[in-house]
């Protein structure tokens, strides 16, 4: 099945089934994201970033999330931003 066939089928779903599909896609995406993070952590791909974060924290440069600048102006449609993140 091609992507255009899937897109066409989605447009024909009843509202209830569309909502169910979106919930499934969101869960699937979250599992894939978690797996990618785990893979990156295990491979050491994030080691440099984690070291940088630890150094900034130790230097007192870390701020609580409520005082950090929101990045929604750069990525307003990012699914990775929690809805409670203050701007």
Protein backbone atom coordinates (compact mmCIF):
# COMPACT_ATOMS: atom_id res chain seq x y z
CA UNK A 1 0.00 0.00 0.00
CA UNK A 2 1.41 3.40 -0.93
CA UNK A 3 1.45 6.51 1.22
CA UNK A 4 -1.08 8.20 -1.05
CA UNK A 5 -3.42 5.19 -0.69
CA UNK A 6 -3.08 5.37 3.09
CA UNK A 7 -3.72 9.12 3.04
CA UNK A 8 -6.82 8.59 0.90
CA UNK A 9 -8.10 5.87 3.25
CA UNK A 10 -7.56 8.12 6.27
CA UNK A 11 -9.65 10.90 4.73
CA UNK A 12 -12.53 8.45 4.43
CA UNK A 13 -12.51 7.32 8.07
CA UNK A 14 -15.44 8.20 10.32
CA UNK A 15 -14.51 10.72 13.01
CA UNK A 16 -14.41 8.13 15.81
CA UNK A 17 -12.06 5.85 13.88
CA UNK A 18 -9.88 8.82 12.90
CA UNK A 19 -9.51 9.72 16.59
CA UNK A 20 -8.59 6.11 17.39
CA UNK A 21 -6.03 6.09 14.58
CA UNK A 22 -4.46 9.33 15.78
CA UNK A 23 -4.18 7.96 19.31
CA UNK A 24 -2.49 4.83 17.96
CA UNK A 25 -0.10 6.87 15.80
CA UNK A 26 0.80 9.07 18.77
CA UNK A 27 1.54 6.02 20.94
CA UNK A 28 3.52 4.41 18.12
CA UNK A 29 5.54 7.59 17.62
CA UNK A 30 6.26 7.85 21.37
CA UNK A 31 7.48 4.23 21.47
CA UNK A 32 9.70 4.81 18.42
CA UNK A 33 11.08 8.01 19.97
CA UNK A 34 11.81 6.24 23.26
CA UNK A 35 13.55 3.40 21.42
CA UNK A 36 15.69 5.89 19.47
CA UNK A 37 16.71 7.67 22.69
CA UNK A 38 17.59 4.33 24.31
CA UNK A 39 19.62 3.31 21.26
CA UNK A 40 21.44 6.65 21.21
CA UNK A 41 22.18 6.42 24.94
CA UNK A 42 23.46 2.84 24.68
CA UNK A 43 25.67 3.68 21.70
CA UNK A 44 27.22 6.68 23.44
CA UNK A 45 25.86 9.07 20.83
CA UNK A 46 24.51 11.38 23.56
CA UNK A 47 27.58 11.23 25.81
CA UNK A 48 29.00 14.58 24.68
CA UNK A 49 25.64 16.30 25.14
CA UNK A 50 25.11 14.76 28.57
CA UNK A 51 28.62 15.82 29.60
CA UNK A 52 27.92 19.39 28.45
CA UNK A 53 24.64 19.47 30.40
CA UNK A 54 26.34 18.13 33.53
CA UNK A 55 29.11 20.74 33.24
CA UNK A 56 26.60 23.57 32.82
CA UNK A 57 24.64 22.31 35.81
CA UNK A 58 27.76 22.07 37.97
CA UNK A 59 28.73 25.60 36.90
CA UNK A 60 25.34 26.87 38.11
CA UNK A 61 24.13 27.67 34.61
CA UNK A 62 21.06 25.42 34.74
CA UNK A 63 17.66 27.02 35.30
CA UNK A 64 14.36 25.44 36.21
CA UNK A 65 12.10 24.86 33.19
CA UNK A 66 9.76 27.65 34.31
CA UNK A 67 12.46 30.26 33.68
CA UNK A 68 13.81 28.94 30.40
CA UNK A 69 12.76 30.52 27.15
CA UNK A 70 10.14 28.56 25.27
CA UNK A 71 11.19 27.46 21.79
CA UNK A 72 7.70 27.37 20.30
CA UNK A 73 8.61 30.33 18.08
CA UNK A 74 11.17 28.05 16.37
CA UNK A 75 9.15 24.83 16.38
CA UNK A 76 5.46 25.62 17.01
CA UNK A 77 4.28 22.26 15.66
CA UNK A 78 6.81 20.10 17.49
CA UNK A 79 5.09 17.07 19.04
CA UNK A 80 7.94 16.83 21.55
CA UNK A 81 7.00 19.92 23.51
CA UNK A 82 4.91 19.15 26.55
CA UNK A 83 1.73 21.24 26.62
CA UNK A 84 2.50 22.47 30.16
CA UNK A 85 5.84 24.00 29.15
CA UNK A 86 5.57 27.68 30.08
CA UNK A 87 6.42 30.32 27.51
